[in-house]
Amino acid sequence: MQKIVNFVALASGAVSLAVVGSGLFIYLQRDQLINKVKSQVLESVTGSLPSLVDTKMPKMTGPAQAGGATGFSLPR
C-alpha cells in the first residue's frame, strides 16, 4: 500500500511541475506568441481582401447610366 501512495505522490508532483513549468514558459514567451498569432491573422485577412474588394467594387465608374443606381447629383 505504501508503494501505491508513493507512486501517486510522485505522479502528482510531476504533474504539478509540468503545469507550473508550462505556465512559466507561456508567461515568458507571451510577447512572441502574441506577435506570431497577429501575423497569422494579418496574413489570412490580407489574403482574402482582394476577392472581397473585387466583389464590392462597381463594374463601371463614372456618371450613372439610365436605369442605373440613383443617388445624389451635384449641382451644375
PDB file of N, CA and C in Angstrom:
ATOM      1  N   MET A   1       0.824  -1.190   0.000  1.00  0.00           N
ATOM      2  CA  MET A   1       0.000   0.000   0.000  1.00  0.00           C
ATOM      3  C   MET A   1       0.874   1.263   0.000  1.00  0.00           C
ATOM      4  N   GLN A   2       1.969   1.215   0.694  1.00  0.00           N
ATOM      5  CA  GLN A   2       2.868   2.366   0.754  1.00  0.00           C
ATOM      6  C   GLN A   2       3.449   2.682  -0.625  1.00  0.00           C
ATOM      7  N   LYS A   3       3.721   1.628  -1.426  1.00  0.00           N
ATOM      8  CA  LYS A   3       4.266   1.847  -2.768  1.00  0.00           C
ATOM      9  C   LYS A   3       3.259   2.585  -3.644  1.00  0.00           C
ATOM     10  N   ILE A   4       1.985   2.279  -3.495  1.00  0.00           N
ATOM     11  CA  ILE A   4       0.947   2.953  -4.286  1.00  0.00           C
ATOM     12  C   ILE A   4       0.862   4.425  -3.887  1.00  0.00           C
ATOM     13  N   VAL A   5       0.905   4.697  -2.601  1.00  0.00           N
ATOM     14  CA  VAL A   5       0.838   6.077  -2.118  1.00  0.00           C
ATOM     15  C   VAL A   5       2.057   6.866  -2.603  1.00  0.00           C
ATOM     16  N   ASN A   6       3.219   6.251  -2.563  1.00  0.00           N
ATOM     17  CA  ASN A   6       4.432   6.923  -3.045  1.00  0.00           C
ATOM     18  C   ASN A   6       4.345   7.204  -4.550  1.00  0.00           C
ATOM     19  N   PHE A   7       3.825   6.253  -5.306  1.00  0.00           N
ATOM     20  CA  PHE A   7       3.682   6.446  -6.755  1.00  0.00           C
ATOM     21  C   PHE A   7       2.709   7.588  -7.045  1.00  0.00           C
ATOM     22  N   VAL A   8       1.580   7.628  -6.346  1.00  0.00           N
ATOM     23  CA  VAL A   8       0.603   8.700  -6.549  1.00  0.00           C
ATOM     24  C   VAL A   8       1.210  10.046  -6.176  1.00  0.00           C
ATOM     25  N   ALA A   9       1.982  10.096  -5.116  1.00  0.00           N
ATOM     26  CA  ALA A   9       2.623  11.344  -4.700  1.00  0.00           C
ATOM     27  C   ALA A   9       3.636  11.804  -5.739  1.00  0.00           C
ATOM     28  N   LEU A  10       4.424  10.892  -6.279  1.00  0.00           N
ATOM     29  CA  LEU A  10       5.391  11.251  -7.320  1.00  0.00           C
ATOM     30  C   LEU A  10       4.684  11.712  -8.595  1.00  0.00           C
ATOM     31  N   ALA A  11       3.626  11.003  -8.968  1.00  0.00           N
ATOM     32  CA  ALA A  11       2.875  11.391 -10.168  1.00  0.00           C
ATOM     33  C   ALA A  11       2.250  12.773  -9.981  1.00  0.00           C
ATOM     34  N   SER A  12       1.715  13.042  -8.802  1.00  0.00           N
ATOM     35  CA  SER A  12       1.119  14.348  -8.515  1.00  0.00           C
ATOM     36  C   SER A  12       2.181  15.444  -8.583  1.00  0.00           C
ATOM     37  N   GLY A  13       3.337  15.191  -8.041  1.00  0.00           N
ATOM     38  CA  GLY A  13       4.425  16.168  -8.102  1.00  0.00           C
ATOM     39  C   GLY A  13       4.873  16.425  -9.528  1.00  0.00           C
ATOM     40  N   ALA A  14       4.949  15.362 -10.338  1.00  0.00           N
ATOM     41  CA  ALA A  14       5.364  15.530 -11.736  1.00  0.00           C
ATOM     42  C   ALA A  14       4.340  16.358 -12.513  1.00  0.00           C
ATOM     43  N   VAL A  15       3.071  16.092 -12.289  1.00  0.00           N
ATOM     44  CA  VAL A  15       2.026  16.859 -12.973  1.00  0.00           C
ATOM     45  C   VAL A  15       2.065  18.319 -12.524  1.00  0.00           C
ATOM     46  N   SER A  16       2.242  18.550 -11.257  1.00  0.00           N
ATOM     47  CA  SER A  16       2.313  19.922 -10.745  1.00  0.00           C
ATOM     48  C   SER A  16       3.497  20.667 -11.349  1.00  0.00           C
ATOM     49  N   LEU A  17       4.647  20.023 -11.420  1.00  0.00           N
ATOM     50  CA  LEU A  17       5.815  20.660 -12.028  1.00  0.00           C
ATOM     51  C   LEU A  17       5.592  20.942 -13.515  1.00  0.00           C
ATOM     52  N   ALA A  18       4.920  20.029 -14.196  1.00  0.00           N
ATOM     53  CA  ALA A  18       4.638  20.237 -15.619  1.00  0.00           C
ATOM     54  C   ALA A  18       3.712  21.431 -15.823  1.00  0.00           C
ATOM     55  N   VAL A  19       2.694  21.554 -14.993  1.00  0.00           N
ATOM     56  CA  VAL A  19       1.758  22.679 -15.114  1.00  0.00           C
ATOM     57  C   VAL A  19       2.458  23.997 -14.812  1.00  0.00           C
ATOM     58  N   VAL A  20       3.229  24.038 -13.756  1.00  0.00           N
ATOM     59  CA  VAL A  20       3.939  25.263 -13.399  1.00  0.00           C
ATOM     60  C   VAL A  20       4.976  25.604 -14.466  1.00  0.00           C
ATOM     61  N   GLY A  21       5.688  24.612 -14.959  1.00  0.00           N
ATOM     62  CA  GLY A  21       6.696  24.851 -15.990  1.00  0.00           C
ATOM     63  C   GLY A  21       6.094  25.365 -17.286  1.00  0.00           C
ATOM     64  N   SER A  22       4.988  24.770 -17.716  1.00  0.00           N
ATOM     65  CA  SER A  22       4.364  25.240 -18.958  1.00  0.00           C
ATOM     66  C   SER A  22       3.767  26.633 -18.775  1.00  0.00           C
ATOM     67  N   GLY A  23       3.205  26.910 -17.609  1.00  0.00           N
ATOM     68  CA  GLY A  23       2.690  28.257 -17.350  1.00  0.00           C
ATOM     69  C   GLY A  23       3.792  29.289 -17.348  1.00  0.00           C
ATOM     70  N   LEU A  24       4.917  28.962 -16.769  1.00  0.00           N
ATOM     71  CA  LEU A  24       6.059  29.867 -16.758  1.00  0.00           C
ATOM     72  C   LEU A  24       6.601  30.087 -18.168  1.00  0.00           C
ATOM     73  N   PHE A  25       6.670  29.029 -18.951  1.00  0.00           N
ATOM     74  CA  PHE A  25       7.141  29.149 -20.335  1.00  0.00           C
ATOM     75  C   PHE A  25       6.227  30.064 -21.134  1.00  0.00           C
ATOM     76  N   ILE A  26       4.920  29.875 -21.019  1.00  0.00           N
ATOM     77  CA  ILE A  26       3.969  30.714 -21.756  1.00  0.00           C
ATOM     78  C   ILE A  26       4.061  32.155 -21.278  1.00  0.00           C
ATOM     79  N   TYR A  27       4.202  32.358 -19.977  1.00  0.00           N
ATOM     80  CA  TYR A  27       4.322  33.715 -19.439  1.00  0.00           C
ATOM     81  C   TYR A  27       5.562  34.416 -19.987  1.00  0.00           C
ATOM     82  N   LEU A  28       6.677  33.717 -20.047  1.00  0.00           N
ATOM     83  CA  LEU A  28       7.911  34.327 -20.531  1.00  0.00           C
ATOM     84  C   LEU A  28       7.909  34.536 -22.043  1.00  0.00           C
ATOM     85  N   GLN A  29       7.190  33.713 -22.779  1.00  0.00           N
ATOM     86  CA  GLN A  29       7.174  33.791 -24.235  1.00  0.00           C
ATOM     87  C   GLN A  29       5.918  34.467 -24.777  1.00  0.00           C
ATOM     88  N   ARG A  30       5.140  35.139 -23.934  1.00  0.00           N
ATOM     89  CA  ARG A  30       3.837  35.665 -24.346  1.00  0.00           C
ATOM     90  C   ARG A  30       3.948  36.691 -25.466  1.00  0.00           C
ATOM     91  N   ASP A  31       4.963  37.546 -25.454  1.00  0.00           N
ATOM     92  CA  ASP A  31       5.110  38.554 -26.495  1.00  0.00           C
ATOM     93  C   ASP A  31       5.342  37.910 -27.854  1.00  0.00           C
ATOM     94  N   GLN A  32       6.208  36.911 -27.900  1.00  0.00           N
ATOM     95  CA  GLN A  32       6.473  36.218 -29.156  1.00  0.00           C
ATOM     96  C   GLN A  32       5.235  35.467 -29.637  1.00  0.00           C
ATOM     97  N   LEU A  33       4.518  34.850 -28.711  1.00  0.00           N
ATOM     98  CA  LEU A  33       3.313  34.116 -29.091  1.00  0.00           C
ATOM     99  C   LEU A  33       2.243  35.063 -29.628  1.00  0.00           C
ATOM    100  N   ILE A  34       2.074  36.209 -28.995  1.00  0.00           N
ATOM    101  CA  ILE A  34       1.079  37.189 -29.452  1.00  0.00           C
ATOM    102  C   ILE A  34       1.448  37.710 -30.833  1.00  0.00           C
ATOM    103  N   ASN A  35       2.722  38.028 -31.049  1.00  0.00           N
ATOM    104  CA  ASN A  35       3.156  38.509 -32.365  1.00  0.00           C
ATOM    105  C   ASN A  35       2.959  37.459 -33.445  1.00  0.00           C
ATOM    106  N   LYS A  36       3.198  36.202 -33.111  1.00  0.00           N
ATOM    107  CA  LYS A  36       3.011  35.131 -34.075  1.00  0.00           C
ATOM    108  C   LYS A  36       1.543  34.999 -34.476  1.00  0.00           C
ATOM    109  N   VAL A  37       0.651  35.081 -33.498  1.00  0.00           N
ATOM    110  CA  VAL A  37      -0.783  34.989 -33.790  1.00  0.00           C
ATOM    111  C   VAL A  37      -1.229  36.198 -34.597  1.00  0.00           C
ATOM    112  N   LYS A  38      -0.739  37.390 -34.257  1.00  0.00           N
ATOM    113  CA  LYS A  38      -1.095  38.592 -35.010  1.00  0.00           C
ATOM    114  C   LYS A  38      -0.678  38.471 -36.471  1.00  0.00           C
ATOM    115  N   SER A  39       0.527  37.988 -36.710  1.00  0.00           N
ATOM    116  CA  SER A  39       0.992  37.874 -38.093  1.00  0.00           C
ATOM    117  C   SER A  39       0.182  36.837 -38.862  1.00  0.00           C
ATOM    118  N   GLN A  40      -0.213  35.750 -38.215  1.00  0.00           N
ATOM    119  CA  GLN A  40      -1.042  34.748 -38.885  1.00  0.00           C
ATOM    120  C   GLN A  40      -2.415  35.313 -39.222  1.00  0.00           C
ATOM    121  N   VAL A  41      -2.983  36.097 -38.317  1.00  0.00           N
ATOM    122  CA  VAL A  41      -4.290  36.700 -38.580  1.00  0.00           C
ATOM    123  C   VAL A  41      -4.183  37.700 -39.725  1.00  0.00           C
ATOM    124  N   LEU A  42      -3.147  38.533 -39.718  1.00  0.00           N
ATOM    125  CA  LEU A  42      -2.975  39.508 -40.790  1.00  0.00           C
ATOM    126  C   LEU A  42      -2.780  38.831 -42.141  1.00  0.00           C
ATOM    127  N   GLU A  43      -2.034  37.742 -42.179  1.00  0.00           N
ATOM    128  CA  GLU A  43      -1.840  37.021 -43.435  1.00  0.00           C
ATOM    129  C   GLU A  43      -3.158  36.471 -43.960  1.00  0.00           C
ATOM    130  N   SER A  44      -3.977  35.926 -43.079  1.00  0.00           N
ATOM    131  CA  SER A  44      -5.244  35.360 -43.540  1.00  0.00           C
ATOM    132  C   SER A  44      -6.210  36.450 -43.984  1.00  0.00           C
ATOM    133  N   VAL A  45      -6.187  37.604 -43.318  1.00  0.00           N
ATOM    134  CA  VAL A  45      -7.089  38.693 -43.695  1.00  0.00           C
ATOM    135  C   VAL A  45      -6.637  39.324 -45.002  1.00  0.00           C
ATOM    136  N   THR A  46      -5.358  39.600 -45.143  1.00  0.00           N
ATOM    137  CA  THR A  46      -4.881  40.229 -46.371  1.00  0.00           C
ATOM    138  C   THR A  46      -4.996  39.294 -47.560  1.00  0.00           C
ATOM    139  N   GLY A  47      -4.990  38.006 -47.328  1.00  0.00           N
ATOM    140  CA  GLY A  47      -5.184  37.062 -48.425  1.00  0.00           C
ATOM    141  C   GLY A  47      -6.596  37.089 -48.967  1.00  0.00           C
ATOM    142  N   SER A  48      -7.583  37.376 -48.126  1.00  0.00           N
ATOM    143  CA  SER A  48      -8.965  37.379 -48.580  1.00  0.00           C
ATOM    144  C   SER A  48      -9.444  38.761 -49.002  1.00  0.00           C
ATOM    145  N   LEU A  49      -8.673  39.816 -48.726  1.00  0.00           N
ATOM    146  CA  LEU A  49      -9.112  41.160 -49.065  1.00  0.00           C
ATOM    147  C   LEU A  49      -9.295  41.401 -50.568  1.00  0.00           C
ATOM    148  N   PRO A  50      -8.382  40.985 -51.427  1.00  0.00           N
ATOM    149  CA  PRO A  50      -8.587  41.268 -52.852  1.00  0.00           C
ATOM    150  C   PRO A  50      -9.900  40.697 -53.387  1.00  0.00           C
ATOM    151  N   SER A  51     -10.265  39.503 -53.004  1.00  0.00           N
ATOM    152  CA  SER A  51     -11.505  38.929 -53.511  1.00  0.00           C
ATOM    153  C   SER A  51     -12.715  39.659 -52.944  1.00  0.00           C
ATOM    154  N   LEU A  52     -12.642  40.112 -51.698  1.00  0.00           N
ATOM    155  CA  LEU A  52     -13.755  40.869 -51.124  1.00  0.00           C
ATOM    156  C   LEU A  52     -13.907  42.225 -51.800  1.00  0.00           C
ATOM    157  N   VAL A  53     -12.795  42.885 -52.062  1.00  0.00           N
ATOM    158  CA  VAL A  53     -12.851  44.191 -52.706  1.00  0.00           C
ATOM    159  C   VAL A  53     -13.365  44.050 -54.130  1.00  0.00           C
ATOM    160  N   ASP A  54     -12.940  43.042 -54.847  1.00  0.00           N
ATOM    161  CA  ASP A  54     -13.386  42.852 -56.222  1.00  0.00           C
ATOM    162  C   ASP A  54     -14.888  42.629 -56.309  1.00  0.00           C
ATOM    163  N   THR A  55     -15.469  41.942 -55.342  1.00  0.00           N
ATOM    164  CA  THR A  55     -16.902  41.692 -55.388  1.00  0.00           C
ATOM    165  C   THR A  55     -17.707  42.916 -54.995  1.00  0.00           C
ATOM    166  N   LYS A  56     -17.134  43.828 -54.229  1.00  0.00           N
ATOM    167  CA  LYS A  56     -17.861  45.011 -53.779  1.00  0.00           C
ATOM    168  C   LYS A  56     -17.680  46.219 -54.698  1.00  0.00           C
ATOM    169  N   MET A  57     -16.704  46.212 -55.563  1.00  0.00           N
ATOM    170  CA  MET A  57     -16.459  47.339 -56.455  1.00  0.00           C
ATOM    171  C   MET A  57     -17.461  47.328 -57.597  1.00  0.00           C
ATOM    172  N   PRO A  58     -17.895  48.506 -58.042  1.00  0.00           N
ATOM    173  CA  PRO A  58     -18.811  48.547 -59.189  1.00  0.00           C
ATOM    174  C   PRO A  58     -18.084  48.139 -60.464  1.00  0.00           C
ATOM    175  N   LYS A  59     -18.864  47.649 -61.427  1.00  0.00           N
ATOM    176  CA  LYS A  59     -18.260  47.218 -62.692  1.00  0.00           C
ATOM    177  C   LYS A  59     -17.793  48.415 -63.510  1.00  0.00           C
ATOM    178  N   MET A  60     -18.452  49.570 -63.334  1.00  0.00           N
ATOM    179  CA  MET A  60     -18.126  50.739 -64.129  1.00  0.00           C
ATOM    180  C   MET A  60     -18.075  51.950 -63.224  1.00  0.00           C
ATOM    181  N   THR A  61     -17.170  52.833 -63.485  1.00  0.00           N
ATOM    182  CA  THR A  61     -17.122  54.076 -62.731  1.00  0.00           C
ATOM    183  C   THR A  61     -17.502  55.214 -63.648  1.00  0.00           C
ATOM    184  N   GLY A  62     -17.874  56.324 -63.089  1.00  0.00           N
ATOM    185  CA  GLY A  62     -18.271  57.480 -63.879  1.00  0.00           C
ATOM    186  C   GLY A  62     -19.718  57.817 -63.616  1.00  0.00           C
ATOM    187  N   PRO A  63     -20.326  58.633 -64.506  1.00  0.00           N
ATOM    188  CA  PRO A  63     -21.716  59.029 -64.288  1.00  0.00           C
ATOM    189  C   PRO A  63     -22.654  57.833 -64.403  1.00  0.00           C
ATOM    190  N   ALA A  64     -23.760  57.921 -63.668  1.00  0.00           N
ATOM    191  CA  ALA A  64     -24.734  56.838 -63.680  1.00  0.00           C
ATOM    192  C   ALA A  64     -25.428  56.786 -65.035  1.00  0.00           C
ATOM    193  N   GLN A  65     -25.679  55.598 -65.532  1.00  0.00           N
ATOM    194  CA  GLN A  65     -26.372  55.418 -66.806  1.00  0.00           C
ATOM    195  C   GLN A  65     -27.861  55.273 -66.548  1.00  0.00           C
ATOM    196  N   ALA A  66     -28.639  55.339 -67.596  1.00  0.00           N
ATOM    197  CA  ALA A  66     -30.090  55.182 -67.469  1.00  0.00           C
ATOM    198  C   ALA A  66     -30.389  53.813 -66.894  1.00  0.00           C
ATOM    199  N   GLY A  67     -31.238  53.791 -65.908  1.00  0.00           N
ATOM    200  CA  GLY A  67     -31.578  52.526 -65.265  1.00  0.00           C
ATOM    201  C   GLY A  67     -30.559  52.107 -64.237  1.00  0.00           C
ATOM    202  N   GLY A  68     -29.550  52.934 -64.036  1.00  0.00           N
ATOM    203  CA  GLY A  68     -28.515  52.596 -63.063  1.00  0.00           C
ATOM    204  C   GLY A  68     -28.917  53.037 -61.676  1.00  0.00           C
ATOM    205  N   ALA A  69     -27.968  53.052 -60.816  1.00  0.00           N
ATOM    206  CA  ALA A  69     -28.228  53.452 -59.449  1.00  0.00           C
ATOM    207  C   ALA A  69     -28.549  54.942 -59.399  1.00  0.00           C
ATOM    208  N   THR A  70     -29.552  55.301 -58.633  1.00  0.00           N
ATOM    209  CA  THR A  70     -29.875  56.707 -58.480  1.00  0.00           C
ATOM    210  C   THR A  70     -29.320  57.180 -57.151  1.00  0.00           C
ATOM    211  N   GLY A  71     -28.770  58.342 -57.179  1.00  0.00           N
ATOM    212  CA  GLY A  71     -28.185  58.884 -55.965  1.00  0.00           C
ATOM    213  C   GLY A  71     -28.252  60.383 -55.995  1.00  0.00           C
ATOM    214  N   PHE A  72     -27.494  60.997 -55.206  1.00  0.00           N
ATOM    215  CA  PHE A  72     -27.470  62.460 -55.177  1.00  0.00           C
ATOM    216  C   PHE A  72     -26.630  62.946 -56.334  1.00  0.00           C
ATOM    217  N   SER A  73     -27.104  64.008 -56.952  1.00  0.00           N
ATOM    218  CA  SER A  73     -26.323  64.587 -58.049  1.00  0.00           C
ATOM    219  C   SER A  73     -25.750  65.922 -57.593  1.00  0.00           C
ATOM    220  N   LEU A  74     -24.666  66.275 -58.181  1.00  0.00           N
ATOM    221  CA  LEU A  74     -24.033  67.543 -57.862  1.00  0.00           C
ATOM    222  C   LEU A  74     -24.680  68.653 -58.678  1.00  0.00           C
ATOM    223  N   PRO A  75     -24.825  69.833 -58.102  1.00  0.00           N
ATOM    224  CA  PRO A  75     -25.400  70.946 -58.874  1.00  0.00           C
ATOM    225  C   PRO A  75     -24.450  71.338 -59.997  1.00  0.00           C
ATOM    226  N   ARG A  76     -25.029  71.761 -61.129  1.00  0.00           N
ATOM    227  CA  ARG A  76     -24.221  72.128 -62.302  1.00  0.00           C
ATOM    228  C   ARG A  76     -24.154  73.605 -62.482  1.00  0.00           C
TER     229      ARG A  76
END
